[in-house]
């Protein structure tokens, strides 16, 4: 077990030498504190059945129609097409 030396958060370990049973290994237990943290998330949504949704769908259809699959000969070509579409 590798711990950060002189760290209050990560050097809080216990060695249980009497828990080894038939093995020659000794159980080590570490407690790591997890701090509550606010992570701001953003969602991009389009309201159903409005003008923005229709524009978005038309752009997706156009992008799909413009995908060049004439040189789709291997997995790498497929991955490149998928990445360019994404």
PDB file of N, CA and C in Angstrom:
ATOM      1  N   UNK A   1       0.854  -1.164   0.000  1.00  0.00           N
ATOM      2  CA  UNK A   1       0.000   0.000   0.000  1.00  0.00           C
ATOM      3  C   UNK A   1       0.903   1.231   0.000  1.00  0.00           C
ATOM      4  N   UNK A   2       0.658   2.139  -0.933  1.00  0.00           N
ATOM      5  CA  UNK A   2       1.423   3.372  -0.996  1.00  0.00           C
ATOM      6  C   UNK A   2       0.561   4.512  -0.474  1.00  0.00           C
ATOM      7  N   UNK A   3       1.065   5.207   0.519  1.00  0.00           N
ATOM      8  CA  UNK A   3       0.330   6.307   1.134  1.00  0.00           C
ATOM      9  C   UNK A   3       1.164   7.572   1.061  1.00  0.00           C
ATOM     10  N   UNK A   4       0.513   8.696   1.167  1.00  0.00           N
ATOM     11  CA  UNK A   4       1.231   9.972   1.187  1.00  0.00           C
ATOM     12  C   UNK A   4       1.783  10.193   2.594  1.00  0.00           C
ATOM     13  N   UNK A   5       3.086  10.348   2.671  1.00  0.00           N
ATOM     14  CA  UNK A   5       3.761  10.510   3.948  1.00  0.00           C
ATOM     15  C   UNK A   5       3.341  11.820   4.611  1.00  0.00           C
ATOM     16  N   UNK A   6       3.027  11.767   5.895  1.00  0.00           N
ATOM     17  CA  UNK A   6       2.618  12.910   6.706  1.00  0.00           C
ATOM     18  C   UNK A   6       1.375  13.618   6.150  1.00  0.00           C
ATOM     19  N   UNK A   7       0.455  12.863   5.635  1.00  0.00           N
ATOM     20  CA  UNK A   7      -0.801  13.420   5.139  1.00  0.00           C
ATOM     21  C   UNK A   7      -1.920  13.020   6.094  1.00  0.00           C
ATOM     22  N   UNK A   8      -2.650  14.014   6.597  1.00  0.00           N
ATOM     23  CA  UNK A   8      -3.750  13.719   7.515  1.00  0.00           C
ATOM     24  C   UNK A   8      -4.859  12.930   6.822  1.00  0.00           C
ATOM     25  N   UNK A   9      -5.077  13.208   5.530  1.00  0.00           N
ATOM     26  CA  UNK A   9      -6.165  12.545   4.807  1.00  0.00           C
ATOM     27  C   UNK A   9      -5.793  11.133   4.367  1.00  0.00           C
ATOM     28  N   UNK A  10      -4.542  10.942   3.927  1.00  0.00           N
ATOM     29  CA  UNK A  10      -4.191   9.661   3.313  1.00  0.00           C
ATOM     30  C   UNK A  10      -3.202   8.826   4.107  1.00  0.00           C
ATOM     31  N   UNK A  11      -2.842   9.245   5.287  1.00  0.00           N
ATOM     32  CA  UNK A  11      -1.935   8.439   6.089  1.00  0.00           C
ATOM     33  C   UNK A  11      -2.644   7.945   7.347  1.00  0.00           C
ATOM     34  N   UNK A  12      -3.918   7.691   7.217  1.00  0.00           N
ATOM     35  CA  UNK A  12      -4.739   7.218   8.324  1.00  0.00           C
ATOM     36  C   UNK A  12      -4.989   5.723   8.111  1.00  0.00           C
ATOM     37  N   UNK A  13      -3.995   4.915   8.413  1.00  0.00           N
ATOM     38  CA  UNK A  13      -4.111   3.487   8.144  1.00  0.00           C
ATOM     39  C   UNK A  13      -3.971   2.666   9.424  1.00  0.00           C
ATOM     40  N   UNK A  14      -4.422   1.423   9.323  1.00  0.00           N
ATOM     41  CA  UNK A  14      -4.351   0.489  10.447  1.00  0.00           C
ATOM     42  C   UNK A  14      -3.738  -0.810   9.949  1.00  0.00           C
ATOM     43  N   UNK A  15      -2.849  -1.383  10.734  1.00  0.00           N
ATOM     44  CA  UNK A  15      -2.237  -2.670  10.418  1.00  0.00           C
ATOM     45  C   UNK A  15      -2.810  -3.699  11.391  1.00  0.00           C
ATOM     46  N   UNK A  16      -3.463  -4.717  10.852  1.00  0.00           N
ATOM     47  CA  UNK A  16      -4.107  -5.742  11.683  1.00  0.00           C
ATOM     48  C   UNK A  16      -3.285  -7.031  11.598  1.00  0.00           C
ATOM     49  N   UNK A  17      -2.253  -7.103  12.398  1.00  0.00           N
ATOM     50  CA  UNK A  17      -1.345  -8.258  12.344  1.00  0.00           C
ATOM     51  C   UNK A  17      -2.008  -9.547  12.818  1.00  0.00           C
ATOM     52  N   UNK A  18      -3.071  -9.445  13.606  1.00  0.00           N
ATOM     53  CA  UNK A  18      -3.734 -10.647  14.118  1.00  0.00           C
ATOM     54  C   UNK A  18      -4.822 -11.169  13.172  1.00  0.00           C
ATOM     55  N   UNK A  19      -5.039 -10.532  12.023  1.00  0.00           N
ATOM     56  CA  UNK A  19      -6.075 -10.952  11.089  1.00  0.00           C
ATOM     57  C   UNK A  19      -5.509 -11.749   9.917  1.00  0.00           C
ATOM     58  N   UNK A  20      -4.310 -12.275  10.022  1.00  0.00           N
ATOM     59  CA  UNK A  20      -3.669 -12.910   8.868  1.00  0.00           C
ATOM     60  C   UNK A  20      -4.126 -14.332   8.610  1.00  0.00           C
ATOM     61  N   UNK A  21      -4.811 -14.978   9.504  1.00  0.00           N
ATOM     62  CA  UNK A  21      -5.268 -16.370   9.379  1.00  0.00           C
ATOM     63  C   UNK A  21      -4.106 -17.273   9.022  1.00  0.00           C
ATOM     64  N   UNK A  22      -4.233 -18.082   7.960  1.00  0.00           N
ATOM     65  CA  UNK A  22      -3.161 -19.015   7.601  1.00  0.00           C
ATOM     66  C   UNK A  22      -2.136 -18.371   6.674  1.00  0.00           C
ATOM     67  N   UNK A  23      -2.393 -17.175   6.224  1.00  0.00           N
ATOM     68  CA  UNK A  23      -1.496 -16.496   5.295  1.00  0.00           C
ATOM     69  C   UNK A  23      -0.396 -15.757   6.048  1.00  0.00           C
ATOM     70  N   UNK A  24       0.677 -15.443   5.352  1.00  0.00           N
ATOM     71  CA  UNK A  24       1.723 -14.640   5.961  1.00  0.00           C
ATOM     72  C   UNK A  24       1.535 -13.151   5.649  1.00  0.00           C
ATOM     73  N   UNK A  25       0.424 -12.819   4.973  1.00  0.00           N
ATOM     74  CA  UNK A  25       0.111 -11.431   4.658  1.00  0.00           C
ATOM     75  C   UNK A  25      -0.683 -10.801   5.808  1.00  0.00           C
ATOM     76  N   UNK A  26      -0.461  -9.531   6.024  1.00  0.00           N
ATOM     77  CA  UNK A  26      -1.159  -8.816   7.091  1.00  0.00           C
ATOM     78  C   UNK A  26      -2.121  -7.824   6.456  1.00  0.00           C
ATOM     79  N   UNK A  27      -3.321  -7.761   6.975  1.00  0.00           N
ATOM     80  CA  UNK A  27      -4.348  -6.881   6.447  1.00  0.00           C
ATOM     81  C   UNK A  27      -4.058  -5.421   6.810  1.00  0.00           C
ATOM     82  N   UNK A  28      -4.096  -4.565   5.804  1.00  0.00           N
ATOM     83  CA  UNK A  28      -3.947  -3.126   6.003  1.00  0.00           C
ATOM     84  C   UNK A  28      -5.268  -2.466   5.632  1.00  0.00           C
ATOM     85  N   UNK A  29      -5.720  -1.549   6.450  1.00  0.00           N
ATOM     86  CA  UNK A  29      -6.963  -0.836   6.179  1.00  0.00           C
ATOM     87  C   UNK A  29      -6.673   0.653   6.196  1.00  0.00           C
ATOM     88  N   UNK A  30      -7.193   1.347   5.197  1.00  0.00           N
ATOM     89  CA  UNK A  30      -7.051   2.802   5.143  1.00  0.00           C
ATOM     90  C   UNK A  30      -8.430   3.411   5.008  1.00  0.00           C
ATOM     91  N   UNK A  31      -8.637   4.534   5.693  1.00  0.00           N
ATOM     92  CA  UNK A  31      -9.888   5.273   5.599  1.00  0.00           C
ATOM     93  C   UNK A  31      -9.616   6.557   4.834  1.00  0.00           C
ATOM     94  N   UNK A  32     -10.338   6.748   3.739  1.00  0.00           N
ATOM     95  CA  UNK A  32     -10.184   7.952   2.933  1.00  0.00           C
ATOM     96  C   UNK A  32     -11.471   8.758   3.052  1.00  0.00           C
ATOM     97  N   UNK A  33     -11.357   9.980   3.505  1.00  0.00           N
ATOM     98  CA  UNK A  33     -12.520  10.846   3.652  1.00  0.00           C
ATOM     99  C   UNK A  33     -12.943  11.377   2.290  1.00  0.00           C
ATOM    100  N   UNK A  34     -14.229  11.379   2.048  1.00  0.00           N
ATOM    101  CA  UNK A  34     -14.781  11.936   0.815  1.00  0.00           C
ATOM    102  C   UNK A  34     -15.555  13.183   1.193  1.00  0.00           C
ATOM    103  N   UNK A  35     -15.147  14.286   0.619  1.00  0.00           N
ATOM    104  CA  UNK A  35     -15.731  15.574   0.956  1.00  0.00           C
ATOM    105  C   UNK A  35     -16.886  15.864  -0.003  1.00  0.00           C
ATOM    106  N   UNK A  36     -17.973  16.382   0.545  1.00  0.00           N
ATOM    107  CA  UNK A  36     -19.082  16.794  -0.304  1.00  0.00           C
ATOM    108  C   UNK A  36     -18.630  17.989  -1.129  1.00  0.00           C
ATOM    109  N   UNK A  37     -18.878  17.921  -2.417  1.00  0.00           N
ATOM    110  CA  UNK A  37     -18.448  18.988  -3.305  1.00  0.00           C
ATOM    111  C   UNK A  37     -19.551  19.241  -4.322  1.00  0.00           C
ATOM    112  N   UNK A  38     -19.825  20.500  -4.568  1.00  0.00           N
ATOM    113  CA  UNK A  38     -20.837  20.861  -5.556  1.00  0.00           C
ATOM    114  C   UNK A  38     -20.184  20.876  -6.933  1.00  0.00           C
ATOM    115  N   UNK A  39     -20.727  20.100  -7.842  1.00  0.00           N
ATOM    116  CA  UNK A  39     -20.231  20.073  -9.211  1.00  0.00           C
ATOM    117  C   UNK A  39     -21.326  20.648 -10.094  1.00  0.00           C
ATOM    118  N   UNK A  40     -21.028  21.786 -10.695  1.00  0.00           N
ATOM    119  CA  UNK A  40     -22.018  22.450 -11.543  1.00  0.00           C
ATOM    120  C   UNK A  40     -22.134  21.706 -12.867  1.00  0.00           C
ATOM    121  N   UNK A  41     -23.358  21.412 -13.246  1.00  0.00           N
ATOM    122  CA  UNK A  41     -23.608  20.714 -14.498  1.00  0.00           C
ATOM    123  C   UNK A  41     -24.518  21.571 -15.361  1.00  0.00           C
ATOM    124  N   UNK A  42     -24.308  21.487 -16.647  1.00  0.00           N
ATOM    125  CA  UNK A  42     -25.164  22.202 -17.587  1.00  0.00           C
ATOM    126  C   UNK A  42     -25.831  21.176 -18.497  1.00  0.00           C
ATOM    127  N   UNK A  43     -27.065  21.425 -18.800  1.00  0.00           N
ATOM    128  CA  UNK A  43     -27.783  20.586 -19.746  1.00  0.00           C
ATOM    129  C   UNK A  43     -28.225  21.460 -20.909  1.00  0.00           C
ATOM    130  N   UNK A  44     -27.994  20.957 -22.095  1.00  0.00           N
ATOM    131  CA  UNK A  44     -28.459  21.648 -23.283  1.00  0.00           C
ATOM    132  C   UNK A  44     -29.708  20.910 -23.768  1.00  0.00           C
ATOM    133  N   UNK A  45     -30.809  21.596 -23.774  1.00  0.00           N
ATOM    134  CA  UNK A  45     -32.058  20.954 -24.201  1.00  0.00           C
ATOM    135  C   UNK A  45     -32.715  21.781 -25.288  1.00  0.00           C
ATOM    136  N   UNK A  46     -33.475  21.098 -26.088  1.00  0.00           N
ATOM    137  CA  UNK A  46     -34.291  21.744 -27.110  1.00  0.00           C
ATOM    138  C   UNK A  46     -35.731  21.368 -26.802  1.00  0.00           C
ATOM    139  N   UNK A  47     -36.569  22.350 -26.697  1.00  0.00           N
ATOM    140  CA  UNK A  47     -37.973  22.102 -26.400  1.00  0.00           C
ATOM    141  C   UNK A  47     -38.617  21.390 -27.586  1.00  0.00           C
ATOM    142  N   UNK A  48     -39.371  20.341 -27.260  1.00  0.00           N
ATOM    143  CA  UNK A  48     -39.999  19.529 -28.288  1.00  0.00           C
ATOM    144  C   UNK A  48     -41.030  20.333 -29.078  1.00  0.00           C
ATOM    145  N   UNK A  49     -41.072  20.056 -30.376  1.00  0.00           N
ATOM    146  CA  UNK A  49     -42.061  20.634 -31.306  1.00  0.00           C
ATOM    147  C   UNK A  49     -41.948  22.152 -31.441  1.00  0.00           C
ATOM    148  N   UNK A  50     -40.733  22.686 -31.379  1.00  0.00           N
ATOM    149  CA  UNK A  50     -40.591  24.117 -31.637  1.00  0.00           C
ATOM    150  C   UNK A  50     -39.648  24.324 -32.824  1.00  0.00           C
ATOM    151  N   UNK A  51     -39.435  25.551 -33.202  1.00  0.00           N
ATOM    152  CA  UNK A  51     -38.635  25.896 -34.378  1.00  0.00           C
ATOM    153  C   UNK A  51     -37.185  25.424 -34.220  1.00  0.00           C
ATOM    154  N   UNK A  52     -36.624  25.584 -33.011  1.00  0.00           N
ATOM    155  CA  UNK A  52     -35.241  25.187 -32.770  1.00  0.00           C
ATOM    156  C   UNK A  52     -35.051  23.680 -32.959  1.00  0.00           C
ATOM    157  N   UNK A  53     -36.032  22.892 -32.538  1.00  0.00           N
ATOM    158  CA  UNK A  53     -35.950  21.446 -32.712  1.00  0.00           C
ATOM    159  C   UNK A  53     -35.941  21.082 -34.191  1.00  0.00           C
ATOM    160  N   UNK A  54     -36.793  21.719 -34.971  1.00  0.00           N
ATOM    161  CA  UNK A  54     -36.851  21.429 -36.410  1.00  0.00           C
ATOM    162  C   UNK A  54     -35.545  21.797 -37.099  1.00  0.00           C
ATOM    163  N   UNK A  55     -34.957  22.921 -36.729  1.00  0.00           N
ATOM    164  CA  UNK A  55     -33.676  23.341 -37.307  1.00  0.00           C
ATOM    165  C   UNK A  55     -32.588  22.328 -36.956  1.00  0.00           C
ATOM    166  N   UNK A  56     -32.545  21.892 -35.690  1.00  0.00           N
ATOM    167  CA  UNK A  56     -31.543  20.925 -35.241  1.00  0.00           C
ATOM    168  C   UNK A  56     -31.689  19.607 -36.001  1.00  0.00           C
ATOM    169  N   UNK A  57     -32.910  19.105 -36.111  1.00  0.00           N
ATOM    170  CA  UNK A  57     -33.141  17.831 -36.806  1.00  0.00           C
ATOM    171  C   UNK A  57     -32.714  17.944 -38.267  1.00  0.00           C
ATOM    172  N   UNK A  58     -33.027  19.064 -38.912  1.00  0.00           N
ATOM    173  CA  UNK A  58     -32.618  19.257 -40.302  1.00  0.00           C
ATOM    174  C   UNK A  58     -31.098  19.283 -40.439  1.00  0.00           C
ATOM    175  N   UNK A  59     -30.405  19.896 -39.474  1.00  0.00           N
ATOM    176  CA  UNK A  59     -28.937  19.918 -39.511  1.00  0.00           C
ATOM    177  C   UNK A  59     -28.367  18.510 -39.338  1.00  0.00           C
ATOM    178  N   UNK A  60     -28.962  17.707 -38.451  1.00  0.00           N
ATOM    179  CA  UNK A  60     -28.498  16.331 -38.239  1.00  0.00           C
ATOM    180  C   UNK A  60     -28.707  15.505 -39.511  1.00  0.00           C
ATOM    181  N   UNK A  61     -29.880  15.638 -40.110  1.00  0.00           N
ATOM    182  CA  UNK A  61     -30.174  14.902 -41.353  1.00  0.00           C
ATOM    183  C   UNK A  61     -29.184  15.296 -42.442  1.00  0.00           C
ATOM    184  N   UNK A  62     -28.907  16.588 -42.563  1.00  0.00           N
ATOM    185  CA  UNK A  62     -27.968  17.063 -43.575  1.00  0.00           C
ATOM    186  C   UNK A  62     -26.565  16.514 -43.304  1.00  0.00           C
ATOM    187  N   UNK A  63     -26.144  16.515 -42.039  1.00  0.00           N
ATOM    188  CA  UNK A  63     -24.822  15.992 -41.691  1.00  0.00           C
ATOM    189  C   UNK A  63     -24.711  14.498 -42.006  1.00  0.00           C
ATOM    190  N   UNK A  64     -25.766  13.751 -41.736  1.00  0.00           N
ATOM    191  CA  UNK A  64     -25.765  12.313 -42.045  1.00  0.00           C
ATOM    192  C   UNK A  64     -25.701  12.098 -43.549  1.00  0.00           C
ATOM    193  N   UNK A  65     -26.478  12.869 -44.294  1.00  0.00           N
ATOM    194  CA  UNK A  65     -26.473  12.736 -45.755  1.00  0.00           C
ATOM    195  C   UNK A  65     -25.122  13.104 -46.365  1.00  0.00           C
ATOM    196  N   UNK A  66     -24.364  13.981 -45.709  1.00  0.00           N
ATOM    197  CA  UNK A  66     -23.075  14.428 -46.245  1.00  0.00           C
ATOM    198  C   UNK A  66     -21.897  13.547 -45.833  1.00  0.00           C
ATOM    199  N   UNK A  67     -22.149  12.492 -45.079  1.00  0.00           N
ATOM    200  CA  UNK A  67     -21.057  11.599 -44.680  1.00  0.00           C
ATOM    201  C   UNK A  67     -20.566  10.836 -45.904  1.00  0.00           C
ATOM    202  N   UNK A  68     -19.274  10.915 -46.129  1.00  0.00           N
ATOM    203  CA  UNK A  68     -18.667  10.227 -47.264  1.00  0.00           C
ATOM    204  C   UNK A  68     -18.272   8.818 -46.835  1.00  0.00           C
ATOM    205  N   UNK A  69     -19.004   7.827 -47.350  1.00  0.00           N
ATOM    206  CA  UNK A  69     -18.723   6.434 -46.985  1.00  0.00           C
ATOM    207  C   UNK A  69     -18.066   5.676 -48.137  1.00  0.00           C
ATOM    208  N   UNK A  70     -17.585   6.401 -49.148  1.00  0.00           N
ATOM    209  CA  UNK A  70     -16.977   5.739 -50.301  1.00  0.00           C
ATOM    210  C   UNK A  70     -15.654   5.065 -49.947  1.00  0.00           C
ATOM    211  N   UNK A  71     -14.971   5.538 -48.907  1.00  0.00           N
ATOM    212  CA  UNK A  71     -13.689   4.964 -48.517  1.00  0.00           C
ATOM    213  C   UNK A  71     -13.799   4.244 -47.177  1.00  0.00           C
ATOM    214  N   UNK A  72     -14.900   3.602 -46.951  1.00  0.00           N
ATOM    215  CA  UNK A  72     -15.140   2.903 -45.687  1.00  0.00           C
ATOM    216  C   UNK A  72     -14.660   1.457 -45.839  1.00  0.00           C
ATOM    217  N   UNK A  73     -13.348   1.252 -45.612  1.00  0.00           N
ATOM    218  CA  UNK A  73     -12.756  -0.061 -45.886  1.00  0.00           C
ATOM    219  C   UNK A  73     -12.251  -0.784 -44.639  1.00  0.00           C
ATOM    220  N   UNK A  74     -12.161  -0.075 -43.508  1.00  0.00           N
ATOM    221  CA  UNK A  74     -11.660  -0.722 -42.307  1.00  0.00           C
ATOM    222  C   UNK A  74     -12.224  -0.028 -41.062  1.00  0.00           C
ATOM    223  N   UNK A  75     -11.878  -0.563 -39.910  1.00  0.00           N
ATOM    224  CA  UNK A  75     -12.395  -0.054 -38.641  1.00  0.00           C
ATOM    225  C   UNK A  75     -11.923   1.379 -38.392  1.00  0.00           C
ATOM    226  N   UNK A  76     -10.677   1.673 -38.747  1.00  0.00           N
ATOM    227  CA  UNK A  76     -10.139   3.017 -38.528  1.00  0.00           C
ATOM    228  C   UNK A  76     -10.924   4.044 -39.344  1.00  0.00           C
ATOM    229  N   UNK A  77     -11.254   3.713 -40.582  1.00  0.00           N
ATOM    230  CA  UNK A  77     -12.070   4.616 -41.412  1.00  0.00           C
ATOM    231  C   UNK A  77     -13.435   4.842 -40.776  1.00  0.00           C
ATOM    232  N   UNK A  78     -14.040   3.786 -40.268  1.00  0.00           N
ATOM    233  CA  UNK A  78     -15.335   3.899 -39.611  1.00  0.00           C
ATOM    234  C   UNK A  78     -15.232   4.796 -38.371  1.00  0.00           C
ATOM    235  N   UNK A  79     -14.192   4.577 -37.560  1.00  0.00           N
ATOM    236  CA  UNK A  79     -14.013   5.411 -36.357  1.00  0.00           C
ATOM    237  C   UNK A  79     -13.828   6.883 -36.729  1.00  0.00           C
ATOM    238  N   UNK A  80     -13.083   7.149 -37.793  1.00  0.00           N
ATOM    239  CA  UNK A  80     -12.888   8.534 -38.244  1.00  0.00           C
ATOM    240  C   UNK A  80     -14.197   9.168 -38.668  1.00  0.00           C
ATOM    241  N   UNK A  81     -15.026   8.421 -39.364  1.00  0.00           N
ATOM    242  CA  UNK A  81     -16.328   8.956 -39.792  1.00  0.00           C
ATOM    243  C   UNK A  81     -17.218   9.235 -38.583  1.00  0.00           C
ATOM    244  N   UNK A  82     -17.255   8.292 -37.647  1.00  0.00           N
ATOM    245  CA  UNK A  82     -18.079   8.475 -36.455  1.00  0.00           C
ATOM    246  C   UNK A  82     -17.597   9.675 -35.647  1.00  0.00           C
ATOM    247  N   UNK A  83     -16.277   9.825 -35.480  1.00  0.00           N
ATOM    248  CA  UNK A  83     -15.734  10.963 -34.732  1.00  0.00           C
ATOM    249  C   UNK A  83     -16.030  12.278 -35.428  1.00  0.00           C
ATOM    250  N   UNK A  84     -15.926  12.309 -36.747  1.00  0.00           N
ATOM    251  CA  UNK A  84     -16.207  13.557 -37.461  1.00  0.00           C
ATOM    252  C   UNK A  84     -17.684  13.919 -37.365  1.00  0.00           C
ATOM    253  N   UNK A  85     -18.544  12.919 -37.340  1.00  0.00           N
ATOM    254  CA  UNK A  85     -19.976  13.177 -37.195  1.00  0.00           C
ATOM    255  C   UNK A  85     -20.299  13.684 -35.795  1.00  0.00           C
ATOM    256  N   UNK A  86     -19.656  13.085 -34.789  1.00  0.00           N
ATOM    257  CA  UNK A  86     -19.910  13.471 -33.402  1.00  0.00           C
ATOM    258  C   UNK A  86     -19.527  14.918 -33.167  1.00  0.00           C
TER     259      UNK A  86
END
